N, C-alpha and C. Protein backbone atom coordinates (compact mmCIF):
# COMPACT_ATOMS: atom_id res chain seq x y z
N MET A 1 -63.40 33.63 101.89
CA MET A 1 -63.86 35.00 102.14
C MET A 1 -62.74 35.98 101.77
N LYS A 2 -63.10 37.08 101.14
CA LYS A 2 -62.12 38.11 100.76
C LYS A 2 -61.91 39.08 101.92
N ILE A 3 -60.80 39.78 101.87
CA ILE A 3 -60.51 40.75 102.94
C ILE A 3 -60.16 42.10 102.35
N LYS A 4 -60.78 43.13 102.93
CA LYS A 4 -60.48 44.52 102.56
C LYS A 4 -59.96 45.22 103.82
N ILE A 5 -58.80 45.84 103.69
CA ILE A 5 -58.25 46.65 104.78
C ILE A 5 -58.49 48.11 104.40
N CYS A 6 -59.28 48.79 105.19
CA CYS A 6 -59.72 50.14 104.83
C CYS A 6 -58.98 51.20 105.63
N GLY A 7 -58.91 52.40 105.04
CA GLY A 7 -58.32 53.53 105.74
C GLY A 7 -56.80 53.56 105.68
N ILE A 8 -56.24 53.16 104.53
CA ILE A 8 -54.78 53.24 104.35
C ILE A 8 -54.40 54.71 104.21
N LYS A 9 -53.43 55.15 105.01
CA LYS A 9 -53.14 56.59 105.07
C LYS A 9 -51.75 56.98 104.62
N ASN A 10 -50.81 56.03 104.59
CA ASN A 10 -49.43 56.44 104.30
C ASN A 10 -48.66 55.31 103.63
N GLN A 11 -47.44 55.63 103.25
CA GLN A 11 -46.64 54.67 102.48
C GLN A 11 -46.13 53.51 103.34
N ILE A 12 -45.97 53.73 104.62
CA ILE A 12 -45.56 52.63 105.52
C ILE A 12 -46.68 51.58 105.56
N GLU A 13 -47.93 52.05 105.68
CA GLU A 13 -49.06 51.11 105.66
C GLU A 13 -49.16 50.41 104.30
N ALA A 14 -48.86 51.14 103.23
CA ALA A 14 -48.88 50.54 101.88
C ALA A 14 -47.87 49.40 101.78
N GLU A 15 -46.71 49.58 102.39
CA GLU A 15 -45.68 48.53 102.37
C GLU A 15 -46.16 47.28 103.13
N ILE A 16 -46.88 47.51 104.23
CA ILE A 16 -47.46 46.37 104.97
C ILE A 16 -48.46 45.64 104.08
N MET A 17 -49.25 46.40 103.33
CA MET A 17 -50.23 45.78 102.42
C MET A 17 -49.52 44.92 101.36
N ASN A 18 -48.43 45.44 100.82
CA ASN A 18 -47.68 44.67 99.82
C ASN A 18 -47.10 43.38 100.38
N GLU A 19 -46.76 43.41 101.66
CA GLU A 19 -46.22 42.20 102.30
C GLU A 19 -47.33 41.20 102.61
N GLU A 20 -48.47 41.70 103.04
CA GLU A 20 -49.54 40.81 103.53
C GLU A 20 -50.61 40.49 102.48
N MET A 21 -50.71 41.31 101.45
CA MET A 21 -51.58 41.06 100.29
C MET A 21 -53.07 40.82 100.60
N PRO A 22 -53.75 41.82 101.19
CA PRO A 22 -55.21 41.71 101.23
C PRO A 22 -55.77 41.76 99.81
N ASP A 23 -57.03 41.41 99.64
CA ASP A 23 -57.64 41.44 98.30
C ASP A 23 -57.93 42.87 97.86
N PHE A 24 -58.32 43.71 98.83
CA PHE A 24 -58.70 45.10 98.55
C PHE A 24 -58.11 45.99 99.64
N ILE A 25 -57.81 47.24 99.28
CA ILE A 25 -57.54 48.25 100.31
C ILE A 25 -58.44 49.45 100.03
N GLY A 26 -58.72 50.21 101.09
CA GLY A 26 -59.59 51.38 100.95
C GLY A 26 -58.89 52.68 101.27
N PHE A 27 -59.13 53.68 100.41
CA PHE A 27 -58.72 55.06 100.66
C PHE A 27 -59.98 55.84 101.07
N ILE A 28 -59.90 56.59 102.15
CA ILE A 28 -61.07 57.35 102.60
C ILE A 28 -60.94 58.80 102.13
N PHE A 29 -61.81 59.16 101.17
CA PHE A 29 -61.84 60.52 100.64
C PHE A 29 -63.04 61.26 101.23
N ALA A 30 -63.11 61.28 102.55
CA ALA A 30 -64.23 61.92 103.25
C ALA A 30 -63.72 62.33 104.62
N LYS A 31 -64.44 63.24 105.28
CA LYS A 31 -64.01 63.71 106.60
C LYS A 31 -63.91 62.52 107.55
N SER A 32 -62.71 62.29 108.05
CA SER A 32 -62.45 61.13 108.90
C SER A 32 -61.04 61.27 109.43
N LYS A 33 -60.74 60.60 110.55
CA LYS A 33 -59.35 60.62 111.02
C LYS A 33 -58.45 59.85 110.07
N ARG A 34 -59.06 59.08 109.17
CA ARG A 34 -58.27 58.33 108.17
C ARG A 34 -58.36 58.96 106.78
N GLU A 35 -58.85 60.18 106.71
CA GLU A 35 -58.97 60.84 105.39
C GLU A 35 -57.60 60.99 104.73
N ILE A 36 -57.58 60.80 103.41
CA ILE A 36 -56.33 60.91 102.65
C ILE A 36 -56.56 61.83 101.46
N SER A 37 -55.53 62.53 101.06
CA SER A 37 -55.66 63.42 99.90
C SER A 37 -55.49 62.60 98.62
N PHE A 38 -55.97 63.15 97.52
CA PHE A 38 -55.80 62.51 96.22
C PHE A 38 -54.31 62.28 95.94
N GLU A 39 -53.50 63.28 96.24
CA GLU A 39 -52.06 63.22 95.94
C GLU A 39 -51.38 62.09 96.70
N GLU A 40 -51.69 61.96 97.98
CA GLU A 40 -51.07 60.90 98.80
C GLU A 40 -51.57 59.52 98.34
N ALA A 41 -52.86 59.44 98.03
CA ALA A 41 -53.42 58.16 97.55
C ALA A 41 -52.76 57.75 96.23
N LYS A 42 -52.49 58.73 95.39
CA LYS A 42 -51.84 58.46 94.10
C LYS A 42 -50.44 57.87 94.31
N LYS A 43 -49.69 58.44 95.27
CA LYS A 43 -48.36 57.92 95.58
C LYS A 43 -48.44 56.47 96.07
N ILE A 44 -49.42 56.22 96.94
CA ILE A 44 -49.59 54.86 97.48
C ILE A 44 -49.97 53.89 96.37
N LYS A 45 -50.88 54.33 95.50
CA LYS A 45 -51.32 53.48 94.38
C LYS A 45 -50.11 53.08 93.52
N GLU A 46 -49.19 53.99 93.32
CA GLU A 46 -48.01 53.69 92.51
C GLU A 46 -47.09 52.66 93.19
N LEU A 47 -47.09 52.66 94.52
CA LEU A 47 -46.28 51.71 95.29
C LEU A 47 -46.92 50.34 95.40
N LEU A 48 -48.24 50.32 95.31
CA LEU A 48 -49.03 49.14 95.67
C LEU A 48 -48.93 48.04 94.63
N ASN A 49 -48.86 46.81 95.11
CA ASN A 49 -48.91 45.66 94.20
C ASN A 49 -50.20 45.74 93.38
N PRO A 50 -50.11 45.68 92.05
CA PRO A 50 -51.32 45.84 91.22
C PRO A 50 -52.37 44.75 91.41
N LYS A 51 -52.00 43.66 92.09
CA LYS A 51 -52.99 42.60 92.37
C LYS A 51 -53.98 43.03 93.45
N ILE A 52 -53.60 44.04 94.25
CA ILE A 52 -54.50 44.53 95.31
C ILE A 52 -55.43 45.57 94.68
N GLU A 53 -56.73 45.31 94.78
CA GLU A 53 -57.70 46.26 94.19
C GLU A 53 -57.92 47.43 95.16
N THR A 54 -58.07 48.62 94.58
CA THR A 54 -58.21 49.82 95.41
C THR A 54 -59.65 50.34 95.39
N VAL A 55 -60.09 50.76 96.57
CA VAL A 55 -61.46 51.23 96.76
C VAL A 55 -61.40 52.65 97.30
N GLY A 56 -62.12 53.57 96.67
CA GLY A 56 -62.25 54.93 97.19
C GLY A 56 -63.55 55.05 97.95
N VAL A 57 -63.47 55.52 99.19
CA VAL A 57 -64.67 55.65 100.04
C VAL A 57 -65.15 57.10 100.00
N PHE A 58 -66.42 57.27 99.59
CA PHE A 58 -66.99 58.61 99.42
C PHE A 58 -68.29 58.73 100.22
N VAL A 59 -68.48 59.91 100.80
CA VAL A 59 -69.73 60.19 101.53
C VAL A 59 -70.41 61.37 100.86
N ASP A 60 -71.54 61.09 100.21
CA ASP A 60 -72.37 62.13 99.57
C ASP A 60 -71.59 63.03 98.60
N LYS A 61 -70.56 62.50 97.98
CA LYS A 61 -69.82 63.28 96.97
C LYS A 61 -70.52 63.11 95.63
N LYS A 62 -70.58 64.17 94.84
CA LYS A 62 -71.23 64.10 93.53
C LYS A 62 -70.53 63.06 92.65
N THR A 63 -71.32 62.33 91.87
CA THR A 63 -70.75 61.26 91.05
C THR A 63 -69.74 61.81 90.03
N GLU A 64 -70.00 63.01 89.50
CA GLU A 64 -69.06 63.61 88.54
C GLU A 64 -67.70 63.85 89.21
N GLU A 65 -67.73 64.23 90.49
CA GLU A 65 -66.49 64.45 91.24
C GLU A 65 -65.76 63.12 91.47
N ILE A 66 -66.52 62.07 91.75
CA ILE A 66 -65.92 60.76 92.01
C ILE A 66 -65.12 60.28 90.80
N LEU A 67 -65.62 60.60 89.60
CA LEU A 67 -64.93 60.15 88.38
C LEU A 67 -63.50 60.69 88.28
N LYS A 68 -63.22 61.81 88.97
CA LYS A 68 -61.86 62.38 88.93
C LYS A 68 -60.83 61.47 89.60
N TYR A 69 -61.33 60.50 90.39
CA TYR A 69 -60.44 59.59 91.12
C TYR A 69 -60.19 58.29 90.35
N LYS A 70 -60.76 58.21 89.15
CA LYS A 70 -60.78 56.95 88.40
C LYS A 70 -59.40 56.33 88.15
N ASP A 71 -58.38 57.16 88.02
CA ASP A 71 -57.04 56.64 87.73
C ASP A 71 -56.39 55.93 88.92
N ILE A 72 -56.89 56.19 90.11
CA ILE A 72 -56.24 55.59 91.28
C ILE A 72 -57.12 54.60 92.04
N ILE A 73 -58.37 54.43 91.61
CA ILE A 73 -59.25 53.46 92.29
C ILE A 73 -59.92 52.54 91.28
N ASP A 74 -60.18 51.32 91.73
CA ASP A 74 -60.93 50.35 90.93
C ASP A 74 -62.42 50.41 91.26
N PHE A 75 -62.72 50.70 92.53
CA PHE A 75 -64.10 50.73 93.02
C PHE A 75 -64.40 52.07 93.69
N ALA A 76 -65.64 52.53 93.55
CA ALA A 76 -66.16 53.62 94.39
C ALA A 76 -67.07 52.99 95.44
N GLN A 77 -66.77 53.25 96.70
CA GLN A 77 -67.64 52.78 97.80
C GLN A 77 -68.49 53.96 98.25
N LEU A 78 -69.79 53.81 98.09
CA LEU A 78 -70.72 54.93 98.26
C LEU A 78 -71.43 54.87 99.61
N HIS A 79 -71.22 55.91 100.41
CA HIS A 79 -71.95 56.07 101.67
C HIS A 79 -72.85 57.29 101.50
N GLY A 80 -74.12 57.14 101.84
CA GLY A 80 -75.03 58.28 101.73
C GLY A 80 -76.17 57.98 100.79
N ASP A 81 -76.75 59.04 100.27
CA ASP A 81 -77.99 58.93 99.52
C ASP A 81 -77.72 58.82 98.03
N TYR A 82 -77.27 57.66 97.58
CA TYR A 82 -76.98 57.46 96.16
C TYR A 82 -78.07 56.59 95.53
N SER A 83 -78.60 57.06 94.41
CA SER A 83 -79.64 56.30 93.70
C SER A 83 -78.99 55.22 92.84
N GLU A 84 -79.85 54.33 92.33
CA GLU A 84 -79.36 53.33 91.38
C GLU A 84 -78.86 54.00 90.09
N ASN A 85 -79.42 55.15 89.75
CA ASN A 85 -78.94 55.89 88.58
C ASN A 85 -77.50 56.35 88.78
N SER A 86 -77.16 56.75 90.01
CA SER A 86 -75.77 57.14 90.32
C SER A 86 -74.84 55.96 90.15
N VAL A 87 -75.30 54.80 90.61
CA VAL A 87 -74.50 53.57 90.49
C VAL A 87 -74.25 53.27 89.01
N LYS A 88 -75.32 53.33 88.23
CA LYS A 88 -75.21 53.06 86.78
C LYS A 88 -74.26 54.04 86.11
N PHE A 89 -74.38 55.31 86.46
CA PHE A 89 -73.53 56.36 85.87
C PHE A 89 -72.05 56.04 86.11
N LEU A 90 -71.70 55.69 87.35
CA LEU A 90 -70.30 55.38 87.67
C LEU A 90 -69.82 54.15 86.91
N LYS A 91 -70.68 53.15 86.83
CA LYS A 91 -70.28 51.92 86.12
C LYS A 91 -70.12 52.17 84.62
N GLU A 92 -71.01 52.96 84.06
CA GLU A 92 -70.90 53.29 82.63
C GLU A 92 -69.62 54.06 82.32
N ASN A 93 -69.10 54.74 83.36
CA ASN A 93 -67.89 55.53 83.19
C ASN A 93 -66.64 54.82 83.73
N GLY A 94 -66.72 53.52 83.88
CA GLY A 94 -65.51 52.73 84.12
C GLY A 94 -65.14 52.41 85.55
N LEU A 95 -66.02 52.74 86.51
CA LEU A 95 -65.74 52.38 87.90
C LEU A 95 -66.66 51.26 88.35
N LYS A 96 -66.12 50.33 89.14
CA LYS A 96 -66.98 49.36 89.80
C LYS A 96 -67.51 50.01 91.09
N VAL A 97 -68.60 49.47 91.62
CA VAL A 97 -69.27 50.17 92.73
C VAL A 97 -69.60 49.22 93.89
N ILE A 98 -69.30 49.70 95.09
CA ILE A 98 -69.75 49.06 96.34
C ILE A 98 -70.74 50.03 96.99
N LYS A 99 -71.96 49.58 97.20
CA LYS A 99 -72.98 50.44 97.80
C LYS A 99 -73.17 50.05 99.27
N THR A 100 -73.13 51.05 100.14
CA THR A 100 -73.17 50.77 101.58
C THR A 100 -74.59 50.80 102.13
N VAL A 101 -74.86 49.83 103.01
CA VAL A 101 -76.14 49.76 103.73
C VAL A 101 -75.81 49.88 105.21
N ARG A 102 -76.38 50.89 105.86
CA ARG A 102 -76.15 51.06 107.30
C ARG A 102 -77.28 50.34 108.03
N VAL A 103 -76.93 49.32 108.76
CA VAL A 103 -77.91 48.35 109.26
C VAL A 103 -78.78 48.94 110.37
N GLN A 104 -80.11 48.96 110.09
CA GLN A 104 -81.08 49.39 111.10
C GLN A 104 -82.24 48.40 111.23
N ASN A 105 -82.30 47.43 110.31
CA ASN A 105 -83.41 46.46 110.31
C ASN A 105 -82.88 45.05 110.57
N VAL A 106 -83.82 44.11 110.74
CA VAL A 106 -83.41 42.72 110.99
C VAL A 106 -83.42 41.90 109.70
N GLU A 107 -83.97 42.48 108.66
CA GLU A 107 -84.06 41.75 107.40
C GLU A 107 -83.87 42.70 106.22
N TYR A 108 -83.10 42.25 105.23
CA TYR A 108 -82.86 43.07 104.04
C TYR A 108 -83.06 42.24 102.79
N GLU A 109 -83.82 42.80 101.86
CA GLU A 109 -83.95 42.20 100.53
C GLU A 109 -83.64 43.31 99.54
N ILE A 110 -82.50 43.22 98.88
CA ILE A 110 -82.03 44.35 98.07
C ILE A 110 -81.62 43.87 96.67
N GLU A 111 -82.12 44.59 95.67
CA GLU A 111 -81.63 44.40 94.30
C GLU A 111 -80.89 45.67 93.91
N THR A 112 -79.73 45.50 93.34
CA THR A 112 -78.92 46.67 92.99
C THR A 112 -78.11 46.42 91.73
N GLU A 113 -77.73 47.53 91.09
CA GLU A 113 -76.82 47.47 89.94
C GLU A 113 -75.36 47.49 90.39
N ALA A 114 -75.14 47.74 91.69
CA ALA A 114 -73.76 47.79 92.21
C ALA A 114 -73.10 46.42 92.07
N ASP A 115 -71.78 46.40 92.10
CA ASP A 115 -71.05 45.13 92.03
C ASP A 115 -71.13 44.38 93.36
N PHE A 116 -71.07 45.16 94.45
CA PHE A 116 -71.16 44.59 95.79
C PHE A 116 -71.98 45.53 96.68
N LEU A 117 -72.52 44.96 97.76
CA LEU A 117 -73.05 45.76 98.85
C LEU A 117 -72.07 45.65 100.02
N LEU A 118 -72.16 46.61 100.94
CA LEU A 118 -71.38 46.55 102.16
C LEU A 118 -72.32 46.89 103.32
N PHE A 119 -72.47 45.97 104.26
CA PHE A 119 -73.32 46.19 105.42
C PHE A 119 -72.46 46.66 106.58
N ASP A 120 -72.84 47.82 107.14
CA ASP A 120 -72.04 48.46 108.19
C ASP A 120 -72.97 48.89 109.32
N ALA A 121 -72.38 49.12 110.49
CA ALA A 121 -73.16 49.59 111.64
C ALA A 121 -73.72 50.98 111.37
N PHE A 122 -74.86 51.28 111.99
CA PHE A 122 -75.53 52.57 111.79
C PHE A 122 -75.24 53.51 112.95
N SER A 123 -74.99 54.77 112.59
CA SER A 123 -74.99 55.85 113.58
C SER A 123 -75.64 57.06 112.92
N PRO A 124 -76.49 57.80 113.66
CA PRO A 124 -77.10 58.99 113.06
C PRO A 124 -76.08 60.11 112.80
N ASN A 125 -74.92 60.04 113.45
CA ASN A 125 -73.95 61.15 113.38
C ASN A 125 -72.75 60.90 112.48
N GLN A 126 -72.57 59.64 112.04
CA GLN A 126 -71.33 59.30 111.34
C GLN A 126 -71.63 58.28 110.24
N ALA A 127 -71.00 58.46 109.08
CA ALA A 127 -71.28 57.57 107.94
C ALA A 127 -70.58 56.23 108.04
N GLY A 128 -69.52 56.14 108.83
CA GLY A 128 -68.79 54.88 108.96
C GLY A 128 -67.65 55.05 109.94
N GLY A 129 -66.81 54.03 110.05
CA GLY A 129 -65.65 54.11 110.95
C GLY A 129 -66.04 54.18 112.41
N LEU A 130 -67.12 53.47 112.77
CA LEU A 130 -67.64 53.57 114.14
C LEU A 130 -66.94 52.62 115.11
N ASN A 131 -66.26 51.62 114.56
CA ASN A 131 -65.66 50.57 115.37
C ASN A 131 -66.69 49.89 116.26
N GLN A 132 -67.89 49.67 115.72
CA GLN A 132 -68.87 48.88 116.46
C GLN A 132 -69.57 47.92 115.50
N THR A 133 -69.89 46.75 116.03
CA THR A 133 -70.56 45.74 115.21
C THR A 133 -72.06 46.02 115.18
N PHE A 134 -72.75 45.40 114.23
CA PHE A 134 -74.21 45.37 114.28
C PHE A 134 -74.64 43.95 114.64
N ASP A 135 -75.93 43.74 114.84
CA ASP A 135 -76.44 42.42 115.20
C ASP A 135 -76.31 41.47 114.00
N TRP A 136 -75.47 40.46 114.13
CA TRP A 136 -75.23 39.55 113.02
C TRP A 136 -76.35 38.54 112.81
N ASP A 137 -77.39 38.61 113.63
CA ASP A 137 -78.55 37.72 113.43
C ASP A 137 -79.53 38.32 112.44
N ILE A 138 -79.02 38.99 111.41
CA ILE A 138 -79.93 39.57 110.42
C ILE A 138 -80.03 38.64 109.22
N LYS A 139 -81.12 38.82 108.48
CA LYS A 139 -81.30 38.04 107.26
C LYS A 139 -81.03 38.95 106.07
N ILE A 140 -80.17 38.49 105.16
CA ILE A 140 -79.80 39.29 103.99
C ILE A 140 -80.08 38.49 102.73
N LYS A 141 -80.88 39.09 101.85
CA LYS A 141 -81.13 38.48 100.54
C LYS A 141 -80.83 39.55 99.50
N THR A 142 -79.89 39.25 98.61
CA THR A 142 -79.49 40.26 97.63
C THR A 142 -79.02 39.58 96.35
N ASN A 143 -79.05 40.32 95.26
CA ASN A 143 -78.64 39.76 93.96
C ASN A 143 -77.14 39.88 93.71
N VAL A 144 -76.41 40.50 94.66
CA VAL A 144 -74.96 40.65 94.49
C VAL A 144 -74.25 40.19 95.77
N PRO A 145 -72.96 39.83 95.68
CA PRO A 145 -72.21 39.47 96.89
C PRO A 145 -72.06 40.69 97.80
N TYR A 146 -71.80 40.43 99.09
CA TYR A 146 -71.68 41.57 100.00
C TYR A 146 -70.52 41.40 100.98
N PHE A 147 -70.04 42.57 101.43
CA PHE A 147 -69.05 42.67 102.49
C PHE A 147 -69.76 42.98 103.80
N VAL A 148 -69.09 42.64 104.91
CA VAL A 148 -69.55 43.07 106.23
C VAL A 148 -68.44 43.92 106.85
N ALA A 149 -68.82 45.06 107.41
CA ALA A 149 -67.89 45.97 108.09
C ALA A 149 -68.45 46.29 109.47
N GLY A 150 -67.67 47.00 110.25
CA GLY A 150 -68.16 47.48 111.55
C GLY A 150 -67.58 46.69 112.72
N GLY A 151 -66.54 47.24 113.32
CA GLY A 151 -66.01 46.67 114.56
C GLY A 151 -65.35 45.31 114.43
N LEU A 152 -64.95 44.94 113.22
CA LEU A 152 -64.33 43.61 113.04
C LEU A 152 -62.87 43.63 113.45
N ASN A 153 -62.43 42.55 114.09
CA ASN A 153 -61.02 42.40 114.50
C ASN A 153 -60.68 40.92 114.57
N GLU A 154 -59.45 40.63 114.99
CA GLU A 154 -59.01 39.23 114.97
C GLU A 154 -59.77 38.35 115.96
N ASN A 155 -60.46 38.97 116.93
CA ASN A 155 -61.21 38.19 117.93
C ASN A 155 -62.63 37.84 117.51
N ASN A 156 -63.20 38.57 116.55
CA ASN A 156 -64.62 38.32 116.24
C ASN A 156 -64.89 38.02 114.76
N ILE A 157 -63.88 38.13 113.91
CA ILE A 157 -64.13 38.04 112.47
C ILE A 157 -64.61 36.63 112.06
N GLU A 158 -64.09 35.62 112.74
CA GLU A 158 -64.49 34.24 112.42
C GLU A 158 -65.95 34.00 112.81
N GLN A 159 -66.34 34.52 113.95
CA GLN A 159 -67.74 34.40 114.41
C GLN A 159 -68.69 35.06 113.41
N MET A 160 -68.34 36.26 112.96
CA MET A 160 -69.17 36.96 111.96
C MET A 160 -69.27 36.13 110.68
N ALA A 161 -68.13 35.59 110.24
CA ALA A 161 -68.11 34.82 108.99
C ALA A 161 -69.02 33.60 109.07
N LYS A 162 -69.03 32.93 110.22
CA LYS A 162 -69.88 31.74 110.39
C LYS A 162 -71.35 32.11 110.37
N LYS A 163 -71.68 33.27 110.94
CA LYS A 163 -73.09 33.69 111.00
C LYS A 163 -73.60 34.16 109.65
N LEU A 164 -72.84 35.03 108.98
CA LEU A 164 -73.36 35.71 107.79
C LEU A 164 -72.83 35.16 106.46
N LYS A 165 -71.71 34.45 106.53
CA LYS A 165 -71.10 33.89 105.30
C LYS A 165 -71.02 34.92 104.15
N PRO A 166 -70.43 36.08 104.41
CA PRO A 166 -70.38 37.10 103.36
C PRO A 166 -69.30 36.80 102.33
N PHE A 167 -69.32 37.56 101.26
CA PHE A 167 -68.26 37.48 100.25
C PHE A 167 -66.94 38.00 100.84
N GLY A 168 -67.04 39.06 101.66
CA GLY A 168 -65.82 39.67 102.18
C GLY A 168 -66.02 40.35 103.52
N ALA A 169 -64.90 40.58 104.20
CA ALA A 169 -64.89 41.33 105.46
C ALA A 169 -64.09 42.60 105.25
N ASP A 170 -64.54 43.68 105.86
CA ASP A 170 -63.91 44.98 105.72
C ASP A 170 -63.43 45.41 107.11
N VAL A 171 -62.11 45.55 107.26
CA VAL A 171 -61.53 45.85 108.58
C VAL A 171 -60.75 47.15 108.50
N SER A 172 -60.93 48.01 109.51
CA SER A 172 -60.13 49.23 109.57
C SER A 172 -59.46 49.34 110.93
N SER A 173 -60.19 49.83 111.95
CA SER A 173 -59.54 50.03 113.26
C SER A 173 -59.09 48.71 113.87
N GLY A 174 -59.73 47.60 113.51
CA GLY A 174 -59.33 46.28 114.03
C GLY A 174 -57.96 45.84 113.57
N ALA A 175 -57.41 46.53 112.57
CA ALA A 175 -56.06 46.21 112.08
C ALA A 175 -55.06 47.26 112.55
N GLU A 176 -55.45 48.07 113.55
CA GLU A 176 -54.61 49.20 113.99
C GLU A 176 -54.19 49.09 115.44
N PHE A 177 -53.07 49.73 115.73
CA PHE A 177 -52.65 49.99 117.11
C PHE A 177 -52.29 51.47 117.16
N ASN A 178 -52.88 52.20 118.10
CA ASN A 178 -52.65 53.66 118.22
C ASN A 178 -52.94 54.39 116.91
N GLY A 179 -53.97 53.93 116.17
CA GLY A 179 -54.40 54.65 114.98
C GLY A 179 -53.64 54.33 113.70
N PHE A 180 -52.72 53.37 113.75
CA PHE A 180 -51.97 52.99 112.55
C PHE A 180 -52.04 51.49 112.32
N LYS A 181 -52.12 51.10 111.05
CA LYS A 181 -52.13 49.68 110.71
C LYS A 181 -50.81 49.05 111.15
N THR A 182 -50.89 47.84 111.72
CA THR A 182 -49.67 47.15 112.10
C THR A 182 -49.56 45.84 111.32
N LYS A 183 -48.34 45.46 111.03
CA LYS A 183 -48.08 44.23 110.27
C LYS A 183 -48.67 43.03 111.01
N GLU A 184 -48.50 43.01 112.32
CA GLU A 184 -48.97 41.87 113.12
C GLU A 184 -50.49 41.71 113.03
N LYS A 185 -51.21 42.81 113.24
CA LYS A 185 -52.68 42.72 113.22
C LYS A 185 -53.20 42.39 111.82
N VAL A 186 -52.63 43.06 110.81
CA VAL A 186 -53.06 42.79 109.43
C VAL A 186 -52.80 41.32 109.09
N SER A 187 -51.62 40.84 109.46
CA SER A 187 -51.24 39.46 109.18
C SER A 187 -52.18 38.47 109.87
N ASN A 188 -52.46 38.71 111.15
CA ASN A 188 -53.36 37.82 111.91
C ASN A 188 -54.74 37.76 111.28
N ILE A 189 -55.26 38.94 110.93
CA ILE A 189 -56.62 38.99 110.35
C ILE A 189 -56.66 38.27 109.01
N ILE A 190 -55.66 38.49 108.18
CA ILE A 190 -55.64 37.85 106.86
C ILE A 190 -55.52 36.33 107.00
N LYS A 191 -54.70 35.87 107.93
CA LYS A 191 -54.56 34.41 108.17
C LYS A 191 -55.91 33.81 108.57
N ILE A 192 -56.62 34.48 109.47
CA ILE A 192 -57.92 33.98 109.91
C ILE A 192 -58.89 33.92 108.74
N VAL A 193 -58.97 35.01 107.98
CA VAL A 193 -59.91 35.10 106.86
C VAL A 193 -59.59 34.05 105.79
N ARG A 194 -58.33 33.89 105.48
CA ARG A 194 -57.95 32.92 104.43
C ARG A 194 -58.15 31.48 104.92
N GLY A 195 -58.22 31.30 106.22
CA GLY A 195 -58.44 29.95 106.75
C GLY A 195 -59.91 29.56 106.86
N ILE A 196 -60.80 30.55 106.64
CA ILE A 196 -62.24 30.27 106.81
C ILE A 196 -62.77 29.54 105.57
């Protein structure tokens, strides 16, 4: 299983990523306590080991605007009302795409042009970063690999992996103490994921 550590905000966290080497890291370019500016993300990207793939997280941002981030991200992670045409447009213009599904049903059958899907907990008020899990007893059938996000931490990530067997896990607050990523938590989570 792959691991994505989301919500990287500063160069200290970037150094932890270089030491621990997750498969992906996420920059949040949307209103959030983990929001980062283009300029700061660019500095982190320059520091980051090039083997770590970078994901830009966007909420209802126009696809033309997303393309401006192309130099610092490998993937656009789309939260909100994006059509398959939007996905195709981004891919035709050189970005890979992760399309987010906010879980409200017990069964999903999805075909998409995106490279990956990401299943996350649903809230009517917030697009993500809820720090809550969804019911892992769901059935997922899709033509692409998928990530699972939402309330994952070192205590529950193995249980989720056994239930859903996803391509990857996406962790943000579960790798933090007092709102910042810590080497210990990131290291523990990566060890668990790589051992599954």
